[in-house]
Each structure stands twice: as C-alpha cells, then as structure tokens.
Amino acid sequence: MKSFSVGLLSFLSVLCSKSTTAFVTTLHPKIFQPFASCELCSQPNDESEVQQQCTPLDSNTAKQFKIITCSSTACAKRTTSFGLDEYALYSGIYERKEDNLAPDVQIEEGPCMGKCQFGPCIGVEHEDYEGFVGLEGMKGDEIASRVFQTIITEGDLDRVWESVENAIRVMSEEEA
C-alpha cells in the first residue's frame, strides 16, 4: 500500500486538480486529505509550486524535528481558561502532522517553557541544535524566546504547523 500511495501521490502532485482530489479522497480519505485541503490544488499555478505544496515531507529531514507542547500547570490552566481541553494543542498538532503525511515528525508534551504569562506555548527542537529553534512564521516576541505563544485558535495551530513544514522543506532542499 505504501509504494502505491507514494506513486499515486507523485502522480497527483502534478495533476493536483479539484476533480482528481474529489475522486481520490473518496477512495481513501485519510491518505489524500492534504490534497483536499491544499489551497493551491483548487487553482492553476506554477507546477513546481503545486508539486512542493502537495507532496509529502522528506522523512529523513522530518524526523530531525520535535514539536513540544507545554503541559505545565500554568499553560494547562490558561488553555482551559480559553475554553479548550488541556490536550488541545497536542491533539491539534498531531492531527496536522498526520493530515500532512509527516509521520516522522515527533510530537511530545514537555515541561514549562518559561512563557507562562503567554501560554499555551509550543516549542520546536531540531536534533542539530540545543534547545528550541526560531522559525519563520514566529511573531516578534516568539522569535526572541523561540517559543510559539498564546496558541488558542485553529489558525494559531496552522501557523505553528506551517512554520515547521516550511523548515522541513527548506532543510530538505539544502541537503539535496
């Protein structure tokens, strides 16, 4: 099944049309969900741009990243004060990882990240660096602390995931 999926993903990344997406998602919605949600798939664009956005992430590069959701008491309390379940960050990031065919990205709960007043927080580690890394897509204060802060909406979770995804793609290109 895996080689079939990868071959079909390569084929679809070139086609990447809405009708193909609808057909394939009816065949196997879990595997091909990224095509259904890919903004570029619904409109004609530069073929290389479409292919980059609709292809799975490089597993060798992806496994070098670890996304850590803060599970400290302060972040958990702030999370629930926003009306979210205390595991909302973890499950939200995990869902994005699975939906974007990135099973090798690690996700863990971790201790306090030192930004309790701006929680809930998410940090990203890379095996070649010590501590959290700053990523493109972080806002001003987040860059200084290298921690995504006040992650309370689906849009916030999308921003975190897109930052990680972009970092994986850029590092994959540099290693190629």
N, C-alpha and C. Protein backbone atom coordinates (compact mmCIF):
# COMPACT_ATOMS: atom_id res chain seq x y z
N MET A 1 0.83 -1.20 0.00
CA MET A 1 0.00 0.00 0.00
C MET A 1 0.87 1.25 0.00
N LYS A 2 2.00 1.22 0.74
CA LYS A 2 2.83 2.41 0.84
C LYS A 2 3.39 2.81 -0.51
N SER A 3 3.96 1.85 -1.29
CA SER A 3 4.54 2.22 -2.58
C SER A 3 3.45 2.70 -3.53
N PHE A 4 2.26 2.12 -3.46
CA PHE A 4 1.14 2.59 -4.26
C PHE A 4 0.80 4.02 -3.90
N SER A 5 0.74 4.33 -2.59
CA SER A 5 0.40 5.67 -2.13
C SER A 5 1.43 6.68 -2.60
N VAL A 6 2.73 6.35 -2.46
CA VAL A 6 3.78 7.29 -2.84
C VAL A 6 3.74 7.54 -4.33
N GLY A 7 3.58 6.45 -5.13
CA GLY A 7 3.49 6.61 -6.58
C GLY A 7 2.30 7.45 -6.99
N LEU A 8 1.17 7.18 -6.38
CA LEU A 8 -0.03 7.94 -6.69
C LEU A 8 0.10 9.39 -6.22
N LEU A 9 0.76 9.60 -5.08
CA LEU A 9 0.98 10.97 -4.62
C LEU A 9 1.83 11.75 -5.61
N SER A 10 2.88 11.12 -6.16
CA SER A 10 3.72 11.80 -7.15
C SER A 10 2.91 12.14 -8.39
N PHE A 11 2.10 11.20 -8.83
CA PHE A 11 1.25 11.42 -9.98
C PHE A 11 0.27 12.56 -9.74
N LEU A 12 -0.37 12.54 -8.57
CA LEU A 12 -1.36 13.57 -8.27
C LEU A 12 -0.75 14.93 -8.02
N SER A 13 0.50 14.97 -7.55
CA SER A 13 1.11 16.27 -7.29
C SER A 13 1.26 17.06 -8.57
N VAL A 14 1.39 16.37 -9.71
CA VAL A 14 1.47 17.06 -10.99
C VAL A 14 0.07 17.46 -11.45
N LEU A 15 -0.88 16.55 -11.36
CA LEU A 15 -2.24 16.86 -11.77
C LEU A 15 -2.90 17.85 -10.83
N CYS A 16 -2.99 17.44 -9.56
CA CYS A 16 -3.45 18.28 -8.47
C CYS A 16 -4.68 19.11 -8.83
N SER A 17 -5.65 18.49 -9.43
CA SER A 17 -6.86 19.23 -9.78
C SER A 17 -7.98 18.89 -8.82
N LYS A 18 -8.96 19.74 -8.73
CA LYS A 18 -10.05 19.54 -7.78
C LYS A 18 -10.82 18.26 -8.08
N SER A 19 -11.05 17.95 -9.35
CA SER A 19 -11.79 16.74 -9.69
C SER A 19 -11.00 15.50 -9.30
N THR A 20 -9.70 15.50 -9.53
CA THR A 20 -8.87 14.36 -9.13
C THR A 20 -8.89 14.23 -7.62
N THR A 21 -8.81 15.34 -6.93
CA THR A 21 -8.83 15.32 -5.47
C THR A 21 -10.11 14.70 -4.96
N ALA A 22 -11.24 15.13 -5.49
CA ALA A 22 -12.52 14.59 -5.04
C ALA A 22 -12.59 13.09 -5.29
N PHE A 23 -12.11 12.64 -6.45
CA PHE A 23 -12.12 11.22 -6.77
C PHE A 23 -11.23 10.44 -5.81
N VAL A 24 -10.01 10.89 -5.60
CA VAL A 24 -9.07 10.16 -4.76
C VAL A 24 -9.49 10.17 -3.30
N THR A 25 -10.00 11.28 -2.80
CA THR A 25 -10.41 11.32 -1.40
C THR A 25 -11.58 10.39 -1.14
N THR A 26 -12.39 10.11 -2.16
CA THR A 26 -13.44 9.12 -1.93
C THR A 26 -12.86 7.72 -1.86
N LEU A 27 -11.74 7.49 -2.53
CA LEU A 27 -11.10 6.18 -2.47
C LEU A 27 -10.45 5.94 -1.10
N HIS A 28 -9.70 6.91 -0.63
CA HIS A 28 -9.01 6.75 0.65
C HIS A 28 -8.83 8.12 1.29
N PRO A 29 -9.83 8.61 2.02
CA PRO A 29 -9.82 9.98 2.53
C PRO A 29 -8.68 10.27 3.49
N LYS A 30 -8.21 9.34 4.28
CA LYS A 30 -7.16 9.63 5.27
C LYS A 30 -5.83 9.92 4.59
N ILE A 31 -5.46 9.12 3.60
CA ILE A 31 -4.17 9.30 2.94
C ILE A 31 -4.14 10.58 2.11
N PHE A 32 -5.25 10.90 1.45
CA PHE A 32 -5.22 12.00 0.50
C PHE A 32 -5.87 13.28 1.01
N GLN A 33 -6.07 13.38 2.29
CA GLN A 33 -6.69 14.57 2.85
C GLN A 33 -5.89 15.84 2.54
N PRO A 34 -4.53 15.83 2.52
CA PRO A 34 -3.81 17.06 2.21
C PRO A 34 -4.18 17.64 0.84
N PHE A 35 -4.52 16.78 -0.12
CA PHE A 35 -4.91 17.29 -1.42
C PHE A 35 -6.22 18.05 -1.33
N ALA A 36 -7.14 17.55 -0.52
CA ALA A 36 -8.42 18.20 -0.39
C ALA A 36 -8.29 19.57 0.27
N SER A 37 -7.31 19.71 1.19
CA SER A 37 -7.18 20.96 1.91
C SER A 37 -6.12 21.89 1.33
N CYS A 38 -5.41 21.44 0.33
CA CYS A 38 -4.34 22.25 -0.26
C CYS A 38 -4.93 23.42 -1.04
N GLU A 39 -4.60 24.64 -0.63
CA GLU A 39 -5.15 25.83 -1.28
C GLU A 39 -4.74 25.91 -2.75
N LEU A 40 -3.56 25.41 -3.06
CA LEU A 40 -3.07 25.52 -4.43
C LEU A 40 -3.77 24.56 -5.38
N CYS A 41 -4.36 23.48 -4.84
CA CYS A 41 -4.97 22.47 -5.70
C CYS A 41 -6.22 22.97 -6.41
N SER A 42 -6.86 23.98 -5.90
CA SER A 42 -8.10 24.43 -6.48
C SER A 42 -7.91 25.52 -7.53
N GLN A 43 -6.68 25.87 -7.80
CA GLN A 43 -6.45 26.90 -8.79
C GLN A 43 -5.18 26.61 -9.56
N PRO A 44 -5.14 26.95 -10.86
CA PRO A 44 -3.93 26.69 -11.64
C PRO A 44 -2.80 27.61 -11.18
N ASN A 45 -1.65 27.02 -10.94
CA ASN A 45 -0.47 27.76 -10.51
C ASN A 45 0.76 27.17 -11.18
N ASP A 46 1.90 27.74 -10.87
CA ASP A 46 3.17 27.21 -11.32
C ASP A 46 3.28 25.75 -10.88
N GLU A 47 3.60 24.84 -11.79
CA GLU A 47 3.63 23.40 -11.50
C GLU A 47 4.57 23.06 -10.35
N SER A 48 5.74 23.69 -10.27
CA SER A 48 6.67 23.38 -9.19
C SER A 48 6.13 23.81 -7.83
N GLU A 49 5.39 24.93 -7.80
CA GLU A 49 4.78 25.39 -6.56
C GLU A 49 3.70 24.43 -6.09
N VAL A 50 2.88 23.96 -7.01
CA VAL A 50 1.83 22.99 -6.69
C VAL A 50 2.45 21.70 -6.20
N GLN A 51 3.48 21.22 -6.89
CA GLN A 51 4.11 19.96 -6.51
C GLN A 51 4.72 20.07 -5.12
N GLN A 52 5.39 21.17 -4.79
CA GLN A 52 6.01 21.33 -3.48
C GLN A 52 4.96 21.31 -2.37
N GLN A 53 3.85 22.00 -2.57
CA GLN A 53 2.83 22.09 -1.53
C GLN A 53 2.02 20.81 -1.35
N CYS A 54 1.95 19.96 -2.36
CA CYS A 54 1.10 18.78 -2.32
C CYS A 54 1.86 17.48 -2.16
N THR A 55 3.16 17.53 -1.98
CA THR A 55 3.94 16.31 -1.82
C THR A 55 4.29 16.10 -0.34
N PRO A 56 4.45 14.83 0.04
CA PRO A 56 4.81 14.54 1.44
C PRO A 56 6.18 15.14 1.78
N LEU A 57 6.38 15.37 3.06
CA LEU A 57 7.66 15.90 3.53
C LEU A 57 8.72 14.82 3.52
N ASP A 58 9.97 15.22 3.32
CA ASP A 58 11.09 14.29 3.34
C ASP A 58 11.22 13.68 4.74
N SER A 59 11.12 12.36 4.83
CA SER A 59 11.10 11.70 6.14
C SER A 59 12.43 11.82 6.86
N ASN A 60 13.55 11.83 6.13
CA ASN A 60 14.86 11.96 6.79
C ASN A 60 15.01 13.32 7.48
N THR A 61 14.50 14.35 6.85
CA THR A 61 14.57 15.68 7.45
C THR A 61 13.50 15.84 8.53
N ALA A 62 12.31 15.32 8.27
CA ALA A 62 11.19 15.45 9.22
C ALA A 62 11.51 14.82 10.56
N LYS A 63 12.21 13.70 10.56
CA LYS A 63 12.49 13.02 11.83
C LYS A 63 13.51 13.77 12.69
N GLN A 64 14.12 14.81 12.15
CA GLN A 64 15.06 15.62 12.92
C GLN A 64 14.34 16.67 13.77
N PHE A 65 13.03 16.83 13.55
CA PHE A 65 12.25 17.84 14.25
C PHE A 65 11.39 17.22 15.34
N LYS A 66 11.25 17.94 16.44
CA LYS A 66 10.37 17.53 17.53
C LYS A 66 9.56 18.75 17.95
N ILE A 67 8.24 18.60 17.95
CA ILE A 67 7.33 19.66 18.38
C ILE A 67 6.91 19.33 19.80
N ILE A 68 7.10 20.29 20.71
CA ILE A 68 6.81 20.06 22.12
C ILE A 68 5.72 21.02 22.57
N THR A 69 4.64 20.45 23.08
CA THR A 69 3.55 21.27 23.62
C THR A 69 3.76 21.37 25.13
N CYS A 70 3.61 22.56 25.66
CA CYS A 70 3.81 22.77 27.09
C CYS A 70 2.65 22.15 27.86
N SER A 71 2.99 21.32 28.83
CA SER A 71 1.95 20.68 29.65
C SER A 71 2.07 21.09 31.12
N SER A 72 2.75 22.21 31.35
CA SER A 72 2.89 22.69 32.73
C SER A 72 1.53 23.12 33.27
N THR A 73 1.45 23.25 34.56
CA THR A 73 0.19 23.63 35.21
C THR A 73 -0.32 24.98 34.69
N ALA A 74 0.57 25.96 34.56
CA ALA A 74 0.16 27.30 34.12
C ALA A 74 -0.41 27.27 32.70
N CYS A 75 0.26 26.58 31.78
CA CYS A 75 -0.25 26.51 30.40
C CYS A 75 -1.55 25.71 30.35
N ALA A 76 -1.63 24.65 31.13
CA ALA A 76 -2.87 23.85 31.16
C ALA A 76 -4.04 24.70 31.66
N LYS A 77 -3.80 25.50 32.71
CA LYS A 77 -4.86 26.38 33.24
C LYS A 77 -5.26 27.43 32.21
N ARG A 78 -4.27 28.03 31.56
CA ARG A 78 -4.59 29.04 30.54
C ARG A 78 -5.35 28.42 29.38
N THR A 79 -4.97 27.20 29.01
CA THR A 79 -5.65 26.51 27.92
C THR A 79 -7.12 26.31 28.25
N THR A 80 -7.39 25.84 29.46
CA THR A 80 -8.79 25.62 29.85
C THR A 80 -9.53 26.95 30.05
N SER A 81 -8.81 28.02 30.42
CA SER A 81 -9.47 29.32 30.57
C SER A 81 -9.96 29.87 29.23
N PHE A 82 -9.35 29.41 28.14
CA PHE A 82 -9.81 29.80 26.79
C PHE A 82 -10.89 28.86 26.29
N GLY A 83 -11.33 27.94 27.14
CA GLY A 83 -12.39 27.01 26.77
C GLY A 83 -11.92 25.81 25.99
N LEU A 84 -10.63 25.53 26.05
CA LEU A 84 -10.07 24.39 25.33
C LEU A 84 -9.76 23.25 26.28
N ASP A 85 -9.74 22.06 25.75
CA ASP A 85 -9.30 20.90 26.51
C ASP A 85 -7.80 21.03 26.76
N GLU A 86 -7.32 20.52 27.88
CA GLU A 86 -5.89 20.67 28.19
C GLU A 86 -4.99 19.95 27.19
N TYR A 87 -5.54 19.05 26.40
CA TYR A 87 -4.75 18.33 25.39
C TYR A 87 -4.99 18.87 23.99
N ALA A 88 -5.63 20.01 23.86
CA ALA A 88 -5.99 20.57 22.56
C ALA A 88 -4.77 20.86 21.69
N LEU A 89 -3.71 21.39 22.26
CA LEU A 89 -2.52 21.69 21.47
C LEU A 89 -1.89 20.41 20.93
N TYR A 90 -1.70 19.45 21.81
CA TYR A 90 -1.08 18.19 21.41
C TYR A 90 -1.91 17.53 20.30
N SER A 91 -3.20 17.40 20.52
CA SER A 91 -4.04 16.71 19.53
C SER A 91 -4.14 17.52 18.23
N GLY A 92 -4.17 18.85 18.33
CA GLY A 92 -4.24 19.69 17.14
C GLY A 92 -2.99 19.59 16.28
N ILE A 93 -1.83 19.60 16.90
CA ILE A 93 -0.57 19.46 16.15
C ILE A 93 -0.45 18.04 15.60
N TYR A 94 -0.82 17.06 16.40
CA TYR A 94 -0.76 15.66 15.95
C TYR A 94 -1.64 15.46 14.72
N GLU A 95 -2.83 16.03 14.74
CA GLU A 95 -3.75 15.92 13.61
C GLU A 95 -3.14 16.53 12.35
N ARG A 96 -2.51 17.67 12.48
CA ARG A 96 -1.89 18.32 11.33
C ARG A 96 -0.73 17.49 10.79
N LYS A 97 0.03 16.91 11.68
CA LYS A 97 1.15 16.05 11.28
C LYS A 97 0.63 14.87 10.45
N GLU A 98 -0.41 14.22 10.93
CA GLU A 98 -0.97 13.07 10.23
C GLU A 98 -1.63 13.48 8.92
N ASP A 99 -2.36 14.59 8.92
CA ASP A 99 -3.05 15.06 7.71
C ASP A 99 -2.07 15.46 6.62
N ASN A 100 -0.86 15.83 7.00
CA ASN A 100 0.13 16.29 6.03
C ASN A 100 1.20 15.25 5.74
N LEU A 101 0.88 13.99 6.01
CA LEU A 101 1.76 12.88 5.68
C LEU A 101 3.17 13.07 6.22
N ALA A 102 3.27 13.42 7.49
CA ALA A 102 4.57 13.64 8.13
C ALA A 102 4.70 12.79 9.39
N PRO A 103 4.61 11.46 9.26
CA PRO A 103 4.62 10.61 10.45
C PRO A 103 5.95 10.64 11.21
N ASP A 104 7.01 11.10 10.58
CA ASP A 104 8.31 11.09 11.23
C ASP A 104 8.57 12.29 12.13
N VAL A 105 7.75 13.33 12.03
CA VAL A 105 7.88 14.47 12.94
C VAL A 105 7.44 14.00 14.32
N GLN A 106 8.28 14.23 15.32
CA GLN A 106 7.96 13.81 16.68
C GLN A 106 7.13 14.89 17.38
N ILE A 107 6.18 14.44 18.19
CA ILE A 107 5.38 15.37 18.99
C ILE A 107 5.37 14.84 20.41
N GLU A 108 5.69 15.72 21.36
CA GLU A 108 5.73 15.34 22.76
C GLU A 108 5.15 16.44 23.62
N GLU A 109 4.71 16.05 24.83
CA GLU A 109 4.37 17.04 25.84
C GLU A 109 5.65 17.33 26.60
N GLY A 110 5.81 18.57 27.05
CA GLY A 110 7.02 18.91 27.76
C GLY A 110 6.77 19.82 28.95
N PRO A 111 7.83 20.14 29.66
CA PRO A 111 7.72 21.00 30.84
C PRO A 111 7.57 22.47 30.46
N CYS A 112 7.52 23.31 31.47
CA CYS A 112 7.37 24.74 31.29
C CYS A 112 8.45 25.29 30.34
N MET A 113 8.04 26.22 29.49
CA MET A 113 8.94 26.83 28.52
C MET A 113 9.31 28.25 28.91
N GLY A 114 8.88 28.67 30.10
CA GLY A 114 9.26 29.98 30.61
C GLY A 114 8.42 31.14 30.12
N LYS A 115 7.35 30.88 29.45
CA LYS A 115 6.48 31.94 28.94
C LYS A 115 5.05 31.73 29.43
N CYS A 116 4.92 31.41 30.71
CA CYS A 116 3.61 31.08 31.31
C CYS A 116 2.57 32.17 31.08
N GLN A 117 2.97 33.44 31.17
CA GLN A 117 2.02 34.53 31.00
C GLN A 117 1.50 34.63 29.58
N PHE A 118 2.16 33.93 28.64
CA PHE A 118 1.73 33.96 27.24
C PHE A 118 1.30 32.58 26.75
N GLY A 119 1.02 31.67 27.66
CA GLY A 119 0.62 30.31 27.31
C GLY A 119 -0.77 30.29 26.72
N PRO A 120 -1.13 29.19 26.15
CA PRO A 120 -0.36 27.97 25.97
C PRO A 120 0.74 28.14 24.91
N CYS A 121 1.82 27.39 25.11
CA CYS A 121 3.02 27.52 24.29
C CYS A 121 3.40 26.23 23.58
N ILE A 122 4.11 26.38 22.47
CA ILE A 122 4.66 25.26 21.73
C ILE A 122 6.09 25.61 21.34
N GLY A 123 7.00 24.68 21.58
CA GLY A 123 8.39 24.85 21.18
C GLY A 123 8.74 23.81 20.12
N VAL A 124 9.75 24.11 19.31
CA VAL A 124 10.20 23.18 18.28
C VAL A 124 11.70 22.97 18.45
N GLU A 125 12.10 21.71 18.49
CA GLU A 125 13.52 21.37 18.60
C GLU A 125 13.98 20.71 17.31
N HIS A 126 15.26 20.87 17.04
CA HIS A 126 15.91 20.19 15.91
C HIS A 126 17.13 19.48 16.48
N GLU A 127 17.37 18.28 16.01
CA GLU A 127 18.44 17.47 16.60
C GLU A 127 19.83 18.09 16.49
N ASP A 128 20.04 19.00 15.56
CA ASP A 128 21.37 19.62 15.40
C ASP A 128 21.57 20.86 16.28
N TYR A 129 20.53 21.28 16.99
CA TYR A 129 20.61 22.49 17.80
C TYR A 129 20.22 22.19 19.24
N GLU A 130 20.73 22.98 20.14
CA GLU A 130 20.39 22.83 21.55
C GLU A 130 19.21 23.75 21.88
N GLY A 131 18.21 23.21 22.53
CA GLY A 131 17.03 23.99 22.91
C GLY A 131 16.09 24.18 21.74
N PHE A 132 15.18 25.13 21.92
CA PHE A 132 14.19 25.41 20.88
C PHE A 132 14.81 26.22 19.77
N VAL A 133 14.23 26.11 18.58
CA VAL A 133 14.72 26.85 17.42
C VAL A 133 13.69 27.91 17.02
N GLY A 134 14.17 29.02 16.52
CA GLY A 134 13.29 30.05 15.96
C GLY A 134 12.97 29.68 14.53
N LEU A 135 11.72 29.88 14.13
CA LEU A 135 11.30 29.51 12.78
C LEU A 135 10.62 30.69 12.10
N GLU A 136 10.73 30.70 10.79
CA GLU A 136 9.99 31.68 10.01
C GLU A 136 8.52 31.46 10.27
N GLY A 137 7.78 32.51 10.55
CA GLY A 137 6.37 32.41 10.89
C GLY A 137 6.11 32.77 12.34
N MET A 138 7.18 32.84 13.13
CA MET A 138 7.03 33.28 14.52
C MET A 138 6.85 34.79 14.54
N LYS A 139 6.13 35.27 15.54
CA LYS A 139 5.92 36.70 15.71
C LYS A 139 7.06 37.27 16.54
N GLY A 140 7.12 38.59 16.68
CA GLY A 140 8.21 39.30 17.35
C GLY A 140 8.72 38.70 18.64
N ASP A 141 7.88 38.64 19.67
CA ASP A 141 8.31 38.10 20.96
C ASP A 141 8.62 36.61 20.90
N GLU A 142 7.95 35.92 19.99
CA GLU A 142 8.18 34.48 19.86
C GLU A 142 9.59 34.20 19.35
N ILE A 143 10.08 35.01 18.45
CA ILE A 143 11.41 34.81 17.90
C ILE A 143 12.46 34.93 19.00
N ALA A 144 12.32 35.94 19.84
CA ALA A 144 13.30 36.15 20.92
C ALA A 144 13.35 34.96 21.89
N SER A 145 12.18 34.39 22.21
CA SER A 145 12.15 33.27 23.15
C SER A 145 12.18 31.92 22.44
N ARG A 146 12.03 31.92 21.12
CA ARG A 146 11.99 30.71 20.30
C ARG A 146 10.88 29.77 20.74
N VAL A 147 9.75 30.35 21.14
CA VAL A 147 8.58 29.59 21.60
C VAL A 147 7.33 30.24 21.00
N PHE A 148 6.48 29.43 20.36
CA PHE A 148 5.19 29.93 19.88
C PHE A 148 4.32 30.18 21.11
N GLN A 149 3.67 31.36 21.16
CA GLN A 149 2.94 31.76 22.36
C GLN A 149 1.46 32.02 22.07
N THR A 150 0.64 31.85 23.10
CA THR A 150 -0.81 32.08 23.05
C THR A 150 -1.43 31.35 21.84
N ILE A 151 -1.22 30.07 21.80
CA ILE A 151 -1.75 29.23 20.74
C ILE A 151 -3.15 28.78 21.17
N ILE A 152 -4.16 29.51 20.71
CA ILE A 152 -5.52 29.23 21.20
C ILE A 152 -6.54 29.00 20.08
N THR A 153 -6.17 29.23 18.83
CA THR A 153 -7.12 29.04 17.74
C THR A 153 -6.57 28.03 16.74
N GLU A 154 -7.46 27.55 15.88
CA GLU A 154 -7.02 26.66 14.80
C GLU A 154 -6.01 27.37 13.90
N GLY A 155 -6.21 28.67 13.70
CA GLY A 155 -5.27 29.46 12.90
C GLY A 155 -3.88 29.50 13.53
N ASP A 156 -3.84 29.59 14.87
CA ASP A 156 -2.55 29.56 15.57
C ASP A 156 -1.85 28.23 15.36
N LEU A 157 -2.61 27.14 15.48
CA LEU A 157 -2.04 25.81 15.26
C LEU A 157 -1.58 25.65 13.81
N ASP A 158 -2.35 26.18 12.88
CA ASP A 158 -1.94 26.14 11.47
C ASP A 158 -0.63 26.88 11.27
N ARG A 159 -0.49 28.03 11.92
CA ARG A 159 0.74 28.82 11.79
C ARG A 159 1.95 28.05 12.33
N VAL A 160 1.77 27.36 13.45
CA VAL A 160 2.86 26.55 14.01
C VAL A 160 3.22 25.44 13.03
N TRP A 161 2.20 24.71 12.57
CA TRP A 161 2.48 23.60 11.66
C TRP A 161 3.12 24.10 10.37
N GLU A 162 2.61 25.17 9.78
CA GLU A 162 3.17 25.70 8.54
C GLU A 162 4.62 26.14 8.72
N SER A 163 4.96 26.66 9.89
CA SER A 163 6.34 27.04 10.17
C SER A 163 7.25 25.82 10.20
N VAL A 164 6.78 24.76 10.84
CA VAL A 164 7.57 23.52 10.91
C VAL A 164 7.67 22.91 9.52
N GLU A 165 6.56 22.84 8.82
CA GLU A 165 6.55 22.27 7.47
C GLU A 165 7.51 23.03 6.56
N ASN A 166 7.49 24.36 6.62
CA ASN A 166 8.38 25.18 5.81
C ASN A 166 9.84 24.89 6.16
N ALA A 167 10.15 24.78 7.45
CA ALA A 167 11.52 24.48 7.87
C ALA A 167 11.98 23.14 7.32
N ILE A 168 11.11 22.15 7.34
CA ILE A 168 11.46 20.82 6.80
C ILE A 168 11.72 20.91 5.31
N ARG A 169 10.86 21.61 4.60
CA ARG A 169 11.05 21.73 3.13
C ARG A 169 12.34 22.48 2.80
N VAL A 170 12.62 23.56 3.51
CA VAL A 170 13.84 24.34 3.24
C VAL A 170 15.07 23.50 3.54
N MET A 171 15.08 22.80 4.66
CA MET A 171 16.24 21.98 5.02
C MET A 171 16.40 20.81 4.05
N SER A 172 15.30 20.26 3.55
CA SER A 172 15.37 19.17 2.56
C SER A 172 16.01 19.65 1.28
N GLU A 173 15.63 20.86 0.86
CA GLU A 173 16.22 21.43 -0.36
C GLU A 173 17.71 21.69 -0.19
N GLU A 174 18.11 22.17 1.00
CA GLU A 174 19.52 22.45 1.25
C GLU A 174 20.35 21.18 1.27
N GLU A 175 19.78 20.09 1.77
CA GLU A 175 20.51 18.82 1.85
C GLU A 175 20.57 18.12 0.50
N ALA A 176 19.67 18.47 -0.41
CA ALA A 176 19.64 17.78 -1.73
C ALA A 176 20.77 18.20 -2.62
